[in-house]
C-alpha atoms as a PDB file:
ATOM      1  CA  MET A   1      -0.263  -0.327  -0.393  1.00  0.00           C
ATOM      2  CA  ASN A   2       2.881   2.133   0.148  1.00  0.00           C
ATOM      3  CA  ARG A   3       3.152   2.264  -3.428  1.00  0.00           C
ATOM      4  CA  LEU A   4      -0.148   2.704  -4.245  1.00  0.00           C
ATOM      5  CA  LYS A   5      -0.007   6.565  -5.394  1.00  0.00           C
ATOM      6  CA  GLU A   6       2.223   4.510  -8.801  1.00  0.00           C
ATOM      7  CA  ILE A   7      -0.968   2.740  -9.553  1.00  0.00           C
ATOM      8  CA  GLU A   8      -3.398   4.741 -11.760  1.00  0.00           C
ATOM      9  CA  GLY A   9      -6.384   4.092 -11.983  1.00  0.00           C
ATOM     10  CA  HIS A  10      -7.110   1.801  -8.586  1.00  0.00           C
ATOM     11  CA  THR A  11     -10.144   1.716  -7.123  1.00  0.00           C
ATOM     12  CA  GLY A  12      -8.796   1.745  -3.719  1.00  0.00           C
ATOM     13  CA  VAL A  13     -10.541  -1.496  -2.976  1.00  0.00           C
ATOM     14  CA  GLU A  14      -7.480  -4.500  -1.430  1.00  0.00           C
ATOM     15  CA  VAL A  15      -7.764  -7.387  -2.979  1.00  0.00           C
ATOM     16  CA  ALA A  16      -6.375 -10.892  -2.431  1.00  0.00           C
ATOM     17  CA  LEU A  17      -5.850 -13.588  -4.605  1.00  0.00           C
ATOM     18  CA  TYR A  18      -5.168 -17.093  -3.089  1.00  0.00           C
ATOM     19  CA  GLU A  19      -4.186 -20.291  -4.837  1.00  0.00           C
ATOM     20  CA  PRO A  20      -6.554 -23.020  -3.723  1.00  0.00           C
ATOM     21  CA  LYS A  21      -5.469 -26.074  -1.205  1.00  0.00           C
ATOM     22  CA  LYS A  22      -4.487 -29.128  -3.320  1.00  0.00           C
ATOM     23  CA  GLY A  23      -4.520 -30.840  -0.226  1.00  0.00           C
ATOM     24  CA  GLU A  24      -4.034 -31.925   3.503  1.00  0.00           C
ATOM     25  CA  GLN A  25      -0.206 -32.125   2.826  1.00  0.00           C
ATOM     26  CA  HIS A  26      -0.340 -28.643   0.879  1.00  0.00           C
ATOM     27  CA  LEU A  27       0.715 -26.463   3.419  1.00  0.00           C
ATOM     28  CA  GLU A  28       1.886 -23.479   1.384  1.00  0.00           C
ATOM     29  CA  GLY A  29       0.597 -21.768  -1.223  1.00  0.00           C
ATOM     30  CA  GLU A  30       1.011 -18.935  -3.230  1.00  0.00           C
ATOM     31  CA  TYR A  31      -1.104 -15.715  -3.424  1.00  0.00           C
ATOM     32  CA  TYR A  32      -1.093 -11.754  -4.419  1.00  0.00           C
ATOM     33  CA  VAL A  33      -1.648  -8.699  -2.511  1.00  0.00           C
ATOM     34  CA  GLY A  34      -3.070  -5.987  -4.819  1.00  0.00           C
ATOM     35  CA  VAL A  35      -5.533  -3.177  -5.072  1.00  0.00           C
ATOM     36  CA  MET A  36      -8.800  -3.626  -8.197  1.00  0.00           C
ATOM     37  CA  MET A  37      -8.490  -1.387 -11.014  1.00  0.00           C
ATOM     38  CA  GLU A  38     -11.130   0.440 -12.709  1.00  0.00           C
ATOM     39  CA  GLU A  39      -9.656  -0.670 -16.068  1.00  0.00           C
ATOM     40  CA  PRO A  40      -6.144  -2.033 -17.179  1.00  0.00           C
ATOM     41  CA  PRO A  41      -3.447  -0.126 -16.866  1.00  0.00           C
ATOM     42  CA  SER A  42      -1.270   1.770 -19.814  1.00  0.00           C
ATOM     43  CA  GLN A  43       1.236   0.866 -17.961  1.00  0.00           C
ATOM     44  CA  THR A  44       2.566  -1.617 -14.769  1.00  0.00           C
ATOM     45  CA  PRO A  45       4.876  -0.332 -12.467  1.00  0.00           C
ATOM     46  CA  ASP A  46       8.524  -2.091 -12.012  1.00  0.00           C
ATOM     47  CA  GLY A  47       7.615  -5.121  -9.481  1.00  0.00           C
ATOM     48  CA  MET A  48       4.154  -4.986 -10.090  1.00  0.00           C
ATOM     49  CA  GLU A  49       1.555  -7.358 -11.854  1.00  0.00           C
ATOM     50  CA  TYR A  50      -1.738  -6.930 -13.607  1.00  0.00           C
ATOM     51  CA  ILE A  51      -3.975  -9.932 -13.227  1.00  0.00           C
ATOM     52  CA  ASN A  52      -7.471  -9.723 -15.063  1.00  0.00           C
ATOM     53  CA  LEU A  53      -9.725 -12.565 -13.870  1.00  0.00           C
ATOM     54  CA  SER A  54     -12.299 -13.547 -16.293  1.00  0.00           C
ATOM     55  CA  ARG A  55     -14.578 -16.269 -14.814  1.00  0.00           C
ATOM     56  CA  ASP A  56     -18.047 -16.632 -12.941  1.00  0.00           C
ATOM     57  CA  TYR A  57     -17.385 -16.806  -9.263  1.00  0.00           C
ATOM     58  CA  VAL A  58     -20.058 -17.642  -6.526  1.00  0.00           C
ATOM     59  CA  SER A  59     -19.927 -14.484  -3.534  1.00  0.00           C
ATOM     60  CA  ILE A  60     -20.657 -13.180  -0.318  1.00  0.00           C
ATOM     61  CA  ARG A  61     -19.964 -10.347   2.300  1.00  0.00           C
ATOM     62  CA  GLY A  62     -19.485 -10.504   5.621  1.00  0.00           C
ATOM     63  CA  LYS A  63     -17.337  -9.472   9.002  1.00  0.00           C
ATOM     64  CA  ILE A  64     -13.499  -9.785   8.208  1.00  0.00           C
ATOM     65  CA  GLY A  65     -13.433 -12.360  11.734  1.00  0.00           C
ATOM     66  CA  GLU A  66     -15.671 -14.519  10.142  1.00  0.00           C
ATOM     67  CA  VAL A  67     -14.101 -15.189   6.892  1.00  0.00           C
ATOM     68  CA  GLY A  68     -13.682 -18.735   7.739  1.00  0.00           C
ATOM     69  CA  THR A  69     -16.957 -19.292   8.405  1.00  0.00           C
ATOM     70  CA  LEU A  70     -18.370 -17.063   4.777  1.00  0.00           C
ATOM     71  CA  HIS A  71     -15.972 -19.310   2.954  1.00  0.00           C
ATOM     72  CA  ALA A  72     -17.850 -22.522   4.693  1.00  0.00           C
ATOM     73  CA  GLN A  73     -21.094 -20.990   3.798  1.00  0.00           C
ATOM     74  CA  LEU A  74     -20.210 -20.717  -0.245  1.00  0.00           C
ATOM     75  CA  GLN A  75     -18.846 -24.162  -0.243  1.00  0.00           C
ATOM     76  CA  GLU A  76     -22.283 -25.086   1.411  1.00  0.00           C
ATOM     77  CA  PHE A  77     -23.994 -23.388  -0.993  1.00  0.00           C
ATOM     78  CA  ALA A  78     -22.662 -24.752  -4.002  1.00  0.00           C
ATOM     79  CA  GLU A  79     -23.112 -27.997  -2.932  1.00  0.00           C
ATOM     80  CA  GLU A  80     -26.918 -27.217  -2.156  1.00  0.00           C
ATOM     81  CA  THR A  81     -27.403 -26.245  -5.786  1.00  0.00           C
ATOM     82  CA  ASN A  82     -25.391 -28.733  -7.338  1.00  0.00           C
ATOM     83  CA  GLY A  83     -22.632 -26.499  -8.679  1.00  0.00           C
ATOM     84  CA  LYS A  84     -19.086 -27.028  -7.904  1.00  0.00           C
ATOM     85  CA  ILE A  85     -16.001 -24.680  -7.109  1.00  0.00           C
ATOM     86  CA  ASP A  86     -13.216 -25.342  -8.861  1.00  0.00           C
ATOM     87  CA  SER A  87     -10.199 -25.740  -6.890  1.00  0.00           C
ATOM     88  CA  ASN A  88      -7.740 -24.777  -9.704  1.00  0.00           C
ATOM     89  CA  ASP A  89      -8.650 -21.174  -9.397  1.00  0.00           C
ATOM     90  CA  TRP A  90      -7.739 -19.056  -7.857  1.00  0.00           C
ATOM     91  CA  ILE A  91     -10.075 -17.608  -4.827  1.00  0.00           C
ATOM     92  CA  VAL A  92     -10.303 -14.010  -4.204  1.00  0.00           C
ATOM     93  CA  GLU A  93     -10.854 -12.122  -1.420  1.00  0.00           C
ATOM     94  CA  THR A  94     -11.506  -7.808  -1.325  1.00  0.00           C
ATOM     95  CA  TYR A  95     -11.421  -5.496   1.719  1.00  0.00           C
ATOM     96  CA  HIS A  96     -14.021  -2.691   2.708  1.00  0.00           C
ATOM     97  CA  PRO A  97     -13.335  -0.351   5.562  1.00  0.00           C
ATOM     98  CA  THR A  98     -16.911   0.573   6.900  1.00  0.00           C
ATOM     99  CA  GLU A  99     -17.696   2.773   9.744  1.00  0.00           C
ATOM    100  CA  THR A 100     -17.763  -0.519  12.317  1.00  0.00           C
ATOM    101  CA  GLY A 101     -14.435  -2.146  11.376  1.00  0.00           C
ATOM    102  CA  GLU A 102     -13.589  -4.004   7.940  1.00  0.00           C
ATOM    103  CA  GLU A 103     -15.759  -6.197   5.949  1.00  0.00           C
ATOM    104  CA  VAL A 104     -14.781  -8.411   3.239  1.00  0.00           C
ATOM    105  CA  THR A 105     -16.181 -10.393   0.120  1.00  0.00           C
ATOM    106  CA  VAL A 106     -15.361 -13.826  -0.884  1.00  0.00           C
ATOM    107  CA  TYR A 107     -15.317 -15.379  -4.242  1.00  0.00           C
ATOM    108  CA  LEU A 108     -14.693 -18.788  -5.058  1.00  0.00           C
ATOM    109  CA  PRO A 109     -14.644 -20.091  -9.012  1.00  0.00           C
END
């Protein structure tokens, strides 16, 4: 966030992309942190990457302290509606400051 001024056209919404857990032995994974963009940047600052995700996600929003519960609710929703979470694509979370703390929106592919 200390380099935010270098990023043109950002929305200010913080975002994290997480590699899904591949099994019980998968203890460490890759992740990215950044900010949402209004549109693709004309230039990407040194040491940064632009990532464009273009697929369908199911999402839920709630208190940051309940992020584990939110993930579980999305999994349950997918099962109840005969949907399937794609365990080969990024899990996305966006973070939103509120007057009473911070909320998170969880997106599962």
